[in-house]
Amino acid sequence: MQRLVDQLEAGYRVILGLYEQLLALASSMEGHLKEGNWEAVDQKLCAKELIMGKIDGREHDLGELRERLQCELGLETFALSAVAERLPITDLSKTIDELMDILMRLQEQERVNEELLRSVVENMQGQLEDFQKSRRAAKAYQPSPTVYGDPRFVDEKK
């Protein structure tokens, strides 16, 4: 059973590394959002999507490990506290604590990025409204179109 706990800890270590990559991406995305470098933001979003796919795959594997450990220990539901009563999980607990710290930092960075993106969208909407107003004003001062459209020859004898 300790082997399962060790595998679980190793799996969470991998996920921890992936979330650290996400945090680095989110931090660099903040700079690109401030600069208005949309190509770099797009690249970062694509990289983020790839990492999230890897995390999902690892989470699936860890879910299976948790189920196996739960069955072997005879637990109704998986809980670290219940596992800790029967097996030493010091390394696993430390890894989970580190993961929670990274997740909190990532959540804060994503909140900052979301606020930046919202302000950019609001600014763009204001610029778009100004552009539409100026376009309507320019159109209002143009001569009205002719009733018949483009001039052309009409043969009325036919």
Foldseek 3Di string as FASTA:
>chain_A
DVVLLVVLLVLLVVVLVLLVVLLVLLVVLLVCLVVVVVVSNVVSVVVNVVSVVVNVVSVVVSVVSQVVVCVVLVHPHRDPVSVVVPDPNVSSVVSVVSSVVSVVSSVVSVVSVVVSVVVVVVVVVVVVVVVVVVVVVVVVPDDDADPVHDDDDDDPPD
